[in-house]
Amino acid sequence: MEKHEDVVSIISKLNLDNIEETISEPYHQSGPGRPPRKPLGILKALMVKQLRNIPSDRELYRRLWNDESLRTICDIEPLEKPYHPSQMTRFRDRVGPERLEGIMNSLLEELVVSGVIKGDSVALDATFIKAWSKRDPADDSHGFSDPESRVGRDGKTYDLGYKAHVAVDSGSDMPLALVVASANENEKKHAPELLDKVCKAVEDIKAVVADSQYSSRKVRDCIMGLGAVPVVPYMSNQSKGEPVLRVDRLFRTSGGSTEERRLYGLGMASVERVNSRLELVGLDCLRLKG
């Protein structure tokens, strides 16, 4: 059971009562027709897939046939068939992104009320998600089987995919909001939407930290409109000669106040930890289309 302790520990700490009610809404509860498989069990199976980096629904289905520990975690009875890949696909389609976002918001509300999330300092960043598609031979700037994907920067190179724009609470390393967009779209474009989602989760934000990709008058005005201080380094071609916050290629800070440099270091470290954990729980093995 040792290799499943991480999964059991995470799932056991979640209050799934309200979640079960939400994900059961699109399924019929009475009347003619075969009763649905347990929606909560399917959700647990999909969580196991991400937490254990299982590459596909088919591979998850195979493991649920043979692994008694996983069957117990996913509420599958001893003689019951595991959840078929087609049932997992229908679950995603029926529940939809709106309900899943609502679940995330309710969990965030619990963390804010309990004091885990303070929201004093919020950090923004974007991480690359590889698309499950090859490039279109007619136009290699987007995907062939996934036309919404675009070629964008992935570290020091370029690849086909999307960007997950993330806002996190610097004090607790908890993600607060997420926006997914094509990889060719700049971070500045999605900062206002990301901050708008953050404001629905927390109040009284004192500082917003981001790297120089977010450096623009529009983003700074948006942050100050929330009553927060923008801790965003200026690019080398901006505000030349002024003692503003800057970061060089070796990530060394200069200019700005001591407090700005402190907040920048804490915020960027926090959001990098969150991105790293997202990769550990399966962001790298997403088979993403659209």
C-alpha atoms as a PDB file:
ATOM      1  CA  MET A   1       0.000   0.000   0.000  1.00  0.00           C
ATOM      2  CA  GLU A   2       3.069   2.233   0.377  1.00  0.00           C
ATOM      3  CA  LYS A   3       3.065   3.433  -3.237  1.00  0.00           C
ATOM      4  CA  HIS A   4      -0.546   4.631  -2.849  1.00  0.00           C
ATOM      5  CA  GLU A   5      -0.073   6.469   0.454  1.00  0.00           C
ATOM      6  CA  ASP A   6       0.300   9.799  -1.361  1.00  0.00           C
ATOM      7  CA  VAL A   7      -3.025   9.327  -3.185  1.00  0.00           C
ATOM      8  CA  VAL A   8      -4.873   8.113  -0.076  1.00  0.00           C
ATOM      9  CA  SER A   9      -3.461  10.968   1.998  1.00  0.00           C
ATOM     10  CA  ILE A  10      -4.528  13.658  -0.479  1.00  0.00           C
ATOM     11  CA  ILE A  11      -8.016  12.279  -1.163  1.00  0.00           C
ATOM     12  CA  SER A  12      -8.729  11.557   2.520  1.00  0.00           C
ATOM     13  CA  LYS A  13      -8.063  15.194   3.454  1.00  0.00           C
ATOM     14  CA  LEU A  14     -10.668  16.533   1.036  1.00  0.00           C
ATOM     15  CA  ASN A  15     -14.250  17.240   2.072  1.00  0.00           C
ATOM     16  CA  LEU A  16     -16.009  15.645  -0.887  1.00  0.00           C
ATOM     17  CA  ASP A  17     -19.625  16.005   0.288  1.00  0.00           C
ATOM     18  CA  ASN A  18     -20.382  19.203  -1.629  1.00  0.00           C
ATOM     19  CA  ILE A  19     -18.244  18.026  -4.540  1.00  0.00           C
ATOM     20  CA  GLU A  20     -20.286  14.836  -4.881  1.00  0.00           C
ATOM     21  CA  GLU A  21     -23.500  16.853  -5.055  1.00  0.00           C
ATOM     22  CA  THR A  22     -22.055  19.142  -7.740  1.00  0.00           C
ATOM     23  CA  ILE A  23     -20.705  16.434 -10.039  1.00  0.00           C
ATOM     24  CA  SER A  24     -23.885  14.350  -9.684  1.00  0.00           C
ATOM     25  CA  GLU A  25     -26.106  17.163 -11.038  1.00  0.00           C
ATOM     26  CA  PRO A  26     -25.785  16.244 -14.756  1.00  0.00           C
ATOM     27  CA  TYR A  27     -26.665  12.580 -14.090  1.00  0.00           C
ATOM     28  CA  HIS A  28     -30.244  11.326 -13.775  1.00  0.00           C
ATOM     29  CA  GLN A  29     -31.104  10.227 -10.243  1.00  0.00           C
ATOM     30  CA  SER A  30     -34.388   8.407 -10.860  1.00  0.00           C
ATOM     31  CA  GLY A  31     -36.722   7.205 -13.593  1.00  0.00           C
ATOM     32  CA  PRO A  32     -36.193   4.787 -16.471  1.00  0.00           C
ATOM     33  CA  GLY A  33     -32.766   3.843 -17.742  1.00  0.00           C
ATOM     34  CA  ARG A  34     -29.682   2.268 -16.261  1.00  0.00           C
ATOM     35  CA  PRO A  35     -28.469   4.001 -13.089  1.00  0.00           C
ATOM     36  CA  PRO A  36     -25.181   5.887 -13.629  1.00  0.00           C
ATOM     37  CA  ARG A  37     -21.836   4.711 -12.289  1.00  0.00           C
ATOM     38  CA  LYS A  38     -20.673   6.570  -9.182  1.00  0.00           C
ATOM     39  CA  PRO A  39     -19.643  10.073 -10.347  1.00  0.00           C
ATOM     40  CA  LEU A  40     -17.535  10.554  -7.217  1.00  0.00           C
ATOM     41  CA  GLY A  41     -15.740   7.284  -7.902  1.00  0.00           C
ATOM     42  CA  ILE A  42     -14.960   8.393 -11.470  1.00  0.00           C
ATOM     43  CA  LEU A  43     -13.642  11.724 -10.134  1.00  0.00           C
ATOM     44  CA  LYS A  44     -11.389   9.864  -7.699  1.00  0.00           C
ATOM     45  CA  ALA A  45     -10.148   7.658 -10.550  1.00  0.00           C
ATOM     46  CA  LEU A  46      -9.256  10.738 -12.623  1.00  0.00           C
ATOM     47  CA  MET A  47      -7.507  12.261  -9.611  1.00  0.00           C
ATOM     48  CA  VAL A  48      -5.515   9.042  -9.193  1.00  0.00           C
ATOM     49  CA  LYS A  49      -4.593   9.219 -12.878  1.00  0.00           C
ATOM     50  CA  GLN A  50      -3.033  12.670 -12.409  1.00  0.00           C
ATOM     51  CA  LEU A  51      -1.458  12.013  -9.004  1.00  0.00           C
ATOM     52  CA  ARG A  52       0.150   8.771 -10.190  1.00  0.00           C
ATOM     53  CA  ASN A  53       1.105  10.144 -13.654  1.00  0.00           C
ATOM     54  CA  ILE A  54      -0.882   7.441 -15.446  1.00  0.00           C
ATOM     55  CA  PRO A  55      -0.557   8.357 -19.136  1.00  0.00           C
ATOM     56  CA  SER A  56      -4.036   7.466 -20.475  1.00  0.00           C
ATOM     57  CA  ASP A  57      -7.587   6.462 -19.561  1.00  0.00           C
ATOM     58  CA  ARG A  58      -6.934   3.019 -21.068  1.00  0.00           C
ATOM     59  CA  GLU A  59      -3.918   2.454 -18.856  1.00  0.00           C
ATOM     60  CA  LEU A  60      -5.943   3.608 -15.835  1.00  0.00           C
ATOM     61  CA  TYR A  61      -8.706   1.166 -16.831  1.00  0.00           C
ATOM     62  CA  ARG A  62      -6.163  -1.688 -17.015  1.00  0.00           C
ATOM     63  CA  ARG A  63      -4.748  -0.878 -13.584  1.00  0.00           C
ATOM     64  CA  LEU A  64      -8.220  -0.653 -12.041  1.00  0.00           C
ATOM     65  CA  TRP A  65      -8.828  -4.258 -13.126  1.00  0.00           C
ATOM     66  CA  ASN A  66      -5.762  -5.579 -11.308  1.00  0.00           C
ATOM     67  CA  ASP A  67      -4.895  -3.253  -8.429  1.00  0.00           C
ATOM     68  CA  GLU A  68      -7.081  -3.812  -5.360  1.00  0.00           C
ATOM     69  CA  SER A  69      -5.702  -0.732  -3.604  1.00  0.00           C
ATOM     70  CA  LEU A  70      -6.715   1.532  -6.489  1.00  0.00           C
ATOM     71  CA  ARG A  71     -10.119  -0.134  -6.707  1.00  0.00           C
ATOM     72  CA  THR A  72     -10.729   0.637  -3.026  1.00  0.00           C
ATOM     73  CA  ILE A  73      -9.643   4.276  -3.434  1.00  0.00           C
ATOM     74  CA  CYS A  74     -12.019   4.678  -6.411  1.00  0.00           C
ATOM     75  CA  ASP A  75     -15.070   3.070  -4.712  1.00  0.00           C
ATOM     76  CA  ILE A  76     -15.164   0.000  -7.000  1.00  0.00           C
ATOM     77  CA  GLU A  77     -16.824  -3.042  -5.425  1.00  0.00           C
ATOM     78  CA  PRO A  78     -14.971  -6.422  -5.392  1.00  0.00           C
ATOM     79  CA  LEU A  79     -16.872  -7.977  -8.347  1.00  0.00           C
ATOM     80  CA  GLU A  80     -17.641  -4.716 -10.127  1.00  0.00           C
ATOM     81  CA  LYS A  81     -16.073  -3.734 -13.458  1.00  0.00           C
ATOM     82  CA  PRO A  82     -13.796  -0.667 -13.364  1.00  0.00           C
ATOM     83  CA  TYR A  83     -14.798   2.606 -15.001  1.00  0.00           C
ATOM     84  CA  HIS A  84     -14.459   2.280 -18.773  1.00  0.00           C
ATOM     85  CA  PRO A  85     -12.582   5.016 -20.700  1.00  0.00           C
ATOM     86  CA  SER A  86     -15.855   5.970 -22.425  1.00  0.00           C
ATOM     87  CA  GLN A  87     -17.449   6.597 -19.003  1.00  0.00           C
ATOM     88  CA  MET A  88     -14.542   8.853 -18.044  1.00  0.00           C
ATOM     89  CA  THR A  89     -14.959  10.794 -21.297  1.00  0.00           C
ATOM     90  CA  ARG A  90     -18.703  11.232 -20.701  1.00  0.00           C
ATOM     91  CA  PHE A  91     -17.956  12.340 -17.132  1.00  0.00           C
ATOM     92  CA  ARG A  92     -15.678  15.139 -18.396  1.00  0.00           C
ATOM     93  CA  ASP A  93     -18.240  16.215 -20.983  1.00  0.00           C
ATOM     94  CA  ARG A  94     -21.184  16.211 -18.552  1.00  0.00           C
ATOM     95  CA  VAL A  95     -19.494  17.847 -15.578  1.00  0.00           C
ATOM     96  CA  GLY A  96     -17.718  20.425 -17.750  1.00  0.00           C
ATOM     97  CA  PRO A  97     -15.140  23.096 -16.877  1.00  0.00           C
ATOM     98  CA  GLU A  98     -17.699  25.412 -15.217  1.00  0.00           C
ATOM     99  CA  ARG A  99     -18.603  22.897 -12.504  1.00  0.00           C
ATOM    100  CA  LEU A 100     -14.955  21.959 -11.955  1.00  0.00           C
ATOM    101  CA  GLU A 101     -14.076  25.642 -11.565  1.00  0.00           C
ATOM    102  CA  GLY A 102     -16.952  25.986  -9.099  1.00  0.00           C
ATOM    103  CA  ILE A 103     -15.508  23.086  -7.084  1.00  0.00           C
ATOM    104  CA  MET A 104     -12.116  24.795  -7.025  1.00  0.00           C
ATOM    105  CA  ASN A 105     -13.685  28.068  -5.871  1.00  0.00           C
ATOM    106  CA  SER A 106     -15.548  26.361  -3.033  1.00  0.00           C
ATOM    107  CA  LEU A 107     -12.330  24.698  -1.848  1.00  0.00           C
ATOM    108  CA  LEU A 108     -10.546  28.064  -2.008  1.00  0.00           C
ATOM    109  CA  GLU A 109     -13.309  29.625   0.072  1.00  0.00           C
ATOM    110  CA  GLU A 110     -12.785  26.989   2.759  1.00  0.00           C
ATOM    111  CA  LEU A 111      -9.039  27.711   2.799  1.00  0.00           C
ATOM    112  CA  VAL A 112      -9.607  31.477   3.041  1.00  0.00           C
ATOM    113  CA  VAL A 113     -12.133  31.129   5.887  1.00  0.00           C
ATOM    114  CA  SER A 114      -9.814  28.767   7.785  1.00  0.00           C
ATOM    115  CA  GLY A 115      -6.946  31.266   7.451  1.00  0.00           C
ATOM    116  CA  VAL A 116      -4.685  29.066   5.333  1.00  0.00           C
ATOM    117  CA  ILE A 117      -4.844  31.591   2.479  1.00  0.00           C
ATOM    118  CA  LYS A 118      -4.243  35.215   3.472  1.00  0.00           C
ATOM    119  CA  GLY A 119      -3.982  36.742  -0.010  1.00  0.00           C
ATOM    120  CA  ASP A 120      -1.735  39.616   1.086  1.00  0.00           C
ATOM    121  CA  SER A 121       0.761  38.962  -1.707  1.00  0.00           C
ATOM    122  CA  VAL A 122      -0.230  37.323  -5.005  1.00  0.00           C
ATOM    123  CA  ALA A 123       2.262  36.081  -7.612  1.00  0.00           C
ATOM    124  CA  LEU A 124       1.571  35.566 -11.334  1.00  0.00           C
ATOM    125  CA  ASP A 125       3.349  33.327 -13.830  1.00  0.00           C
ATOM    126  CA  ALA A 126       2.722  31.093 -16.838  1.00  0.00           C
ATOM    127  CA  THR A 127       3.842  27.533 -17.540  1.00  0.00           C
ATOM    128  CA  PHE A 128       3.869  25.666 -20.845  1.00  0.00           C
ATOM    129  CA  ILE A 129       1.559  22.702 -21.577  1.00  0.00           C
ATOM    130  CA  LYS A 130       2.465  20.562 -24.581  1.00  0.00           C
ATOM    131  CA  ALA A 131      -0.431  19.871 -26.971  1.00  0.00           C
ATOM    132  CA  TRP A 132      -1.247  16.279 -27.940  1.00  0.00           C
ATOM    133  CA  SER A 133      -0.970  16.967 -31.665  1.00  0.00           C
ATOM    134  CA  LYS A 134       1.524  17.369 -34.480  1.00  0.00           C
ATOM    135  CA  ARG A 135       1.864  20.614 -36.424  1.00  0.00           C
ATOM    136  CA  ASP A 136      -0.400  21.277 -39.375  1.00  0.00           C
ATOM    137  CA  PRO A 137       1.583  20.715 -42.621  1.00  0.00           C
ATOM    138  CA  ALA A 138      -0.318  23.563 -44.289  1.00  0.00           C
ATOM    139  CA  ASP A 139       0.432  26.016 -41.443  1.00  0.00           C
ATOM    140  CA  ASP A 140       2.951  24.866 -38.862  1.00  0.00           C
ATOM    141  CA  SER A 141       2.050  27.684 -36.452  1.00  0.00           C
ATOM    142  CA  HIS A 142      -0.871  25.612 -35.089  1.00  0.00           C
ATOM    143  CA  GLY A 143      -1.817  21.987 -34.487  1.00  0.00           C
ATOM    144  CA  PHE A 144      -3.223  19.554 -37.043  1.00  0.00           C
ATOM    145  CA  SER A 145      -5.651  17.564 -34.863  1.00  0.00           C
ATOM    146  CA  ASP A 146      -5.797  20.418 -32.328  1.00  0.00           C
ATOM    147  CA  PRO A 147      -6.182  23.646 -34.342  1.00  0.00           C
ATOM    148  CA  GLU A 148      -6.539  25.819 -31.199  1.00  0.00           C
ATOM    149  CA  SER A 149      -2.979  25.015 -30.080  1.00  0.00           C
ATOM    150  CA  ARG A 150      -0.225  27.382 -31.164  1.00  0.00           C
ATOM    151  CA  VAL A 151       3.549  27.437 -31.303  1.00  0.00           C
ATOM    152  CA  GLY A 152       4.989  29.376 -28.374  1.00  0.00           C
ATOM    153  CA  ARG A 153       8.054  29.626 -26.183  1.00  0.00           C
ATOM    154  CA  ASP A 154       8.802  26.648 -23.962  1.00  0.00           C
ATOM    155  CA  GLY A 155      11.844  27.619 -21.918  1.00  0.00           C
ATOM    156  CA  LYS A 156      14.703  28.180 -24.346  1.00  0.00           C
ATOM    157  CA  THR A 157      12.932  26.606 -27.309  1.00  0.00           C
ATOM    158  CA  TYR A 158       9.539  26.675 -29.052  1.00  0.00           C
ATOM    159  CA  ASP A 159       6.860  23.996 -29.111  1.00  0.00           C
ATOM    160  CA  LEU A 160       3.189  23.427 -29.891  1.00  0.00           C
ATOM    161  CA  GLY A 161       0.799  23.840 -26.997  1.00  0.00           C
ATOM    162  CA  TYR A 162      -0.852  26.116 -24.474  1.00  0.00           C
ATOM    163  CA  LYS A 163       0.108  28.212 -21.473  1.00  0.00           C
ATOM    164  CA  ALA A 164      -1.415  27.825 -18.035  1.00  0.00           C
ATOM    165  CA  HIS A 165      -1.475  31.327 -16.509  1.00  0.00           C
ATOM    166  CA  VAL A 166      -1.454  30.870 -12.730  1.00  0.00           C
ATOM    167  CA  ALA A 167      -2.010  33.171  -9.756  1.00  0.00           C
ATOM    168  CA  VAL A 168      -0.851  31.914  -6.353  1.00  0.00           C
ATOM    169  CA  ASP A 169      -0.925  33.088  -2.752  1.00  0.00           C
ATOM    170  CA  SER A 170       2.736  33.751  -1.888  1.00  0.00           C
ATOM    171  CA  GLY A 171       2.198  33.047   1.795  1.00  0.00           C
ATOM    172  CA  SER A 172       0.741  29.556   1.445  1.00  0.00           C
ATOM    173  CA  ASP A 173       1.874  28.430  -2.054  1.00  0.00           C
ATOM    174  CA  MET A 174      -1.785  27.780  -2.905  1.00  0.00           C
ATOM    175  CA  PRO A 175      -3.088  28.402  -6.446  1.00  0.00           C
ATOM    176  CA  LEU A 176      -5.868  31.006  -6.542  1.00  0.00           C
ATOM    177  CA  ALA A 177      -6.815  31.242 -10.222  1.00  0.00           C
ATOM    178  CA  LEU A 178      -6.000  29.724 -13.590  1.00  0.00           C
ATOM    179  CA  VAL A 179      -6.426  30.797 -17.210  1.00  0.00           C
ATOM    180  CA  VAL A 180      -5.440  28.499 -20.092  1.00  0.00           C
ATOM    181  CA  ALA A 181      -4.661  30.082 -23.461  1.00  0.00           C
ATOM    182  CA  SER A 182      -2.770  29.325 -26.659  1.00  0.00           C
ATOM    183  CA  ALA A 183       1.002  29.316 -26.206  1.00  0.00           C
ATOM    184  CA  ASN A 184       1.609  32.226 -28.576  1.00  0.00           C
ATOM    185  CA  GLU A 185      -0.372  34.693 -26.445  1.00  0.00           C
ATOM    186  CA  ASN A 186       1.628  36.975 -24.171  1.00  0.00           C
ATOM    187  CA  GLU A 187       1.245  36.925 -20.402  1.00  0.00           C
ATOM    188  CA  LYS A 188       0.177  40.589 -20.312  1.00  0.00           C
ATOM    189  CA  LYS A 189      -2.976  39.808 -22.316  1.00  0.00           C
ATOM    190  CA  HIS A 190      -4.393  37.496 -19.640  1.00  0.00           C
ATOM    191  CA  ALA A 191      -3.247  39.311 -16.485  1.00  0.00           C
ATOM    192  CA  PRO A 192      -6.513  41.337 -16.083  1.00  0.00           C
ATOM    193  CA  GLU A 193      -8.690  38.201 -16.364  1.00  0.00           C
ATOM    194  CA  LEU A 194      -6.432  36.351 -13.929  1.00  0.00           C
ATOM    195  CA  LEU A 195      -6.556  39.183 -11.394  1.00  0.00           C
ATOM    196  CA  ASP A 196     -10.326  39.433 -11.756  1.00  0.00           C
ATOM    197  CA  LYS A 197     -10.611  35.764 -10.764  1.00  0.00           C
ATOM    198  CA  VAL A 198      -8.233  36.310  -7.841  1.00  0.00           C
ATOM    199  CA  CYS A 199     -10.428  39.132  -6.494  1.00  0.00           C
ATOM    200  CA  LYS A 200     -13.371  36.732  -6.342  1.00  0.00           C
ATOM    201  CA  ALA A 201     -11.345  34.438  -4.076  1.00  0.00           C
ATOM    202  CA  VAL A 202      -9.518  36.887  -1.769  1.00  0.00           C
ATOM    203  CA  GLU A 203      -9.837  40.491  -0.624  1.00  0.00           C
ATOM    204  CA  ASP A 204      -7.407  43.216   0.483  1.00  0.00           C
ATOM    205  CA  ILE A 205      -4.519  42.230  -1.786  1.00  0.00           C
ATOM    206  CA  LYS A 206      -1.507  44.323  -0.801  1.00  0.00           C
ATOM    207  CA  ALA A 207       0.991  43.375  -3.536  1.00  0.00           C
ATOM    208  CA  VAL A 208       1.004  41.590  -6.891  1.00  0.00           C
ATOM    209  CA  VAL A 209       4.319  40.042  -7.960  1.00  0.00           C
ATOM    210  CA  ALA A 210       5.178  39.058 -11.543  1.00  0.00           C
ATOM    211  CA  ASP A 211       8.213  38.834 -13.806  1.00  0.00           C
ATOM    212  CA  SER A 212       9.137  41.332 -16.513  1.00  0.00           C
ATOM    213  CA  GLN A 213       6.889  39.594 -19.076  1.00  0.00           C
ATOM    214  CA  TYR A 214       4.037  41.397 -17.309  1.00  0.00           C
ATOM    215  CA  SER A 215       5.745  44.795 -17.439  1.00  0.00           C
ATOM    216  CA  SER A 216       3.322  47.247 -19.037  1.00  0.00           C
ATOM    217  CA  ARG A 217       1.401  50.346 -18.028  1.00  0.00           C
ATOM    218  CA  LYS A 218      -1.918  48.492 -18.523  1.00  0.00           C
ATOM    219  CA  VAL A 219      -0.973  45.684 -16.119  1.00  0.00           C
ATOM    220  CA  ARG A 220       0.376  48.098 -13.511  1.00  0.00           C
ATOM    221  CA  ASP A 221      -2.770  50.237 -13.722  1.00  0.00           C
ATOM    222  CA  CYS A 222      -4.892  47.097 -13.335  1.00  0.00           C
ATOM    223  CA  ILE A 223      -2.969  46.089 -10.203  1.00  0.00           C
ATOM    224  CA  MET A 224      -3.166  49.581  -8.676  1.00  0.00           C
ATOM    225  CA  GLY A 225      -6.888  49.633  -9.463  1.00  0.00           C
ATOM    226  CA  LEU A 226      -7.203  46.761  -6.963  1.00  0.00           C
ATOM    227  CA  GLY A 227      -5.494  48.853  -4.300  1.00  0.00           C
ATOM    228  CA  ALA A 228      -2.327  46.742  -4.513  1.00  0.00           C
ATOM    229  CA  VAL A 229       1.306  47.574  -5.193  1.00  0.00           C
ATOM    230  CA  PRO A 230       2.704  46.232  -8.492  1.00  0.00           C
ATOM    231  CA  VAL A 231       6.019  44.441  -7.885  1.00  0.00           C
ATOM    232  CA  VAL A 232       6.904  43.905 -11.535  1.00  0.00           C
ATOM    233  CA  PRO A 233      10.480  44.475 -12.807  1.00  0.00           C
ATOM    234  CA  TYR A 234      10.855  46.865 -15.712  1.00  0.00           C
ATOM    235  CA  MET A 235      12.439  45.640 -18.938  1.00  0.00           C
ATOM    236  CA  SER A 236      15.804  47.102 -19.954  1.00  0.00           C
ATOM    237  CA  ASN A 237      14.188  49.346 -22.598  1.00  0.00           C
ATOM    238  CA  GLN A 238      11.645  50.789 -20.129  1.00  0.00           C
ATOM    239  CA  SER A 239      12.182  53.771 -17.776  1.00  0.00           C
ATOM    240  CA  LYS A 240      15.860  54.039 -18.707  1.00  0.00           C
ATOM    241  CA  GLY A 241      18.038  55.737 -16.130  1.00  0.00           C
ATOM    242  CA  GLU A 242      15.434  55.510 -13.360  1.00  0.00           C
ATOM    243  CA  PRO A 243      16.085  53.527 -10.125  1.00  0.00           C
ATOM    244  CA  VAL A 244      13.201  51.099 -10.719  1.00  0.00           C
ATOM    245  CA  LEU A 245      13.112  47.379  -9.968  1.00  0.00           C
ATOM    246  CA  ARG A 246      14.961  45.310 -12.570  1.00  0.00           C
ATOM    247  CA  VAL A 247      16.089  41.681 -12.921  1.00  0.00           C
ATOM    248  CA  ASP A 248      19.056  40.627 -15.057  1.00  0.00           C
ATOM    249  CA  ARG A 249      19.607  37.391 -16.999  1.00  0.00           C
ATOM    250  CA  LEU A 250      21.048  35.726 -13.902  1.00  0.00           C
ATOM    251  CA  PHE A 251      17.860  36.617 -11.967  1.00  0.00           C
ATOM    252  CA  ARG A 252      19.688  39.179  -9.812  1.00  0.00           C
ATOM    253  CA  THR A 253      17.510  42.077  -8.673  1.00  0.00           C
ATOM    254  CA  SER A 254      18.561  45.704  -8.580  1.00  0.00           C
ATOM    255  CA  GLY A 255      16.875  49.063  -8.095  1.00  0.00           C
ATOM    256  CA  GLY A 256      13.540  49.496  -6.391  1.00  0.00           C
ATOM    257  CA  SER A 257      13.143  49.395  -2.628  1.00  0.00           C
ATOM    258  CA  THR A 258      14.380  46.696  -0.270  1.00  0.00           C
ATOM    259  CA  GLU A 259      10.762  45.665   0.348  1.00  0.00           C
ATOM    260  CA  GLU A 260      10.092  45.344  -3.391  1.00  0.00           C
ATOM    261  CA  ARG A 261      13.122  43.092  -3.842  1.00  0.00           C
ATOM    262  CA  ARG A 262      12.045  40.988  -0.850  1.00  0.00           C
ATOM    263  CA  LEU A 263       8.478  40.583  -2.115  1.00  0.00           C
ATOM    264  CA  TYR A 264       9.707  39.776  -5.608  1.00  0.00           C
ATOM    265  CA  GLY A 265      12.002  37.018  -4.350  1.00  0.00           C
ATOM    266  CA  LEU A 266       9.320  35.452  -2.137  1.00  0.00           C
ATOM    267  CA  GLY A 267       6.601  35.695  -4.793  1.00  0.00           C
ATOM    268  CA  MET A 268       8.589  34.228  -7.680  1.00  0.00           C
ATOM    269  CA  ALA A 269       9.885  31.391  -5.487  1.00  0.00           C
ATOM    270  CA  SER A 270       6.311  30.603  -4.456  1.00  0.00           C
ATOM    271  CA  VAL A 271       4.864  30.496  -7.975  1.00  0.00           C
ATOM    272  CA  GLU A 272       7.798  28.381  -9.211  1.00  0.00           C
ATOM    273  CA  ARG A 273       7.114  25.857  -6.437  1.00  0.00           C
ATOM    274  CA  VAL A 274       3.446  25.710  -7.460  1.00  0.00           C
ATOM    275  CA  ASN A 275       4.335  25.169 -11.137  1.00  0.00           C
ATOM    276  CA  SER A 276       6.764  22.428 -10.125  1.00  0.00           C
ATOM    277  CA  ARG A 277       4.083  20.676  -8.070  1.00  0.00           C
ATOM    278  CA  LEU A 278       1.590  20.926 -10.925  1.00  0.00           C
ATOM    279  CA  GLU A 279       4.098  19.079 -13.099  1.00  0.00           C
ATOM    280  CA  LEU A 280       4.573  16.438 -10.388  1.00  0.00           C
ATOM    281  CA  VAL A 281       0.824  15.718 -10.215  1.00  0.00           C
ATOM    282  CA  GLY A 282       0.484  15.245 -13.941  1.00  0.00           C
ATOM    283  CA  LEU A 283       0.661  18.507 -15.873  1.00  0.00           C
ATOM    284  CA  ASP A 284       3.408  16.957 -17.996  1.00  0.00           C
ATOM    285  CA  CYS A 285       1.283  13.955 -18.948  1.00  0.00           C
ATOM    286  CA  LEU A 286      -1.912  15.789 -19.952  1.00  0.00           C
ATOM    287  CA  ARG A 287      -3.239  14.702 -23.328  1.00  0.00           C
ATOM    288  CA  LEU A 288      -4.595  18.160 -24.021  1.00  0.00           C
ATOM    289  CA  LYS A 289      -6.686  19.127 -27.054  1.00  0.00           C
ATOM    290  CA  GLY A 290      -8.570  22.431 -27.146  1.00  0.00           C
END
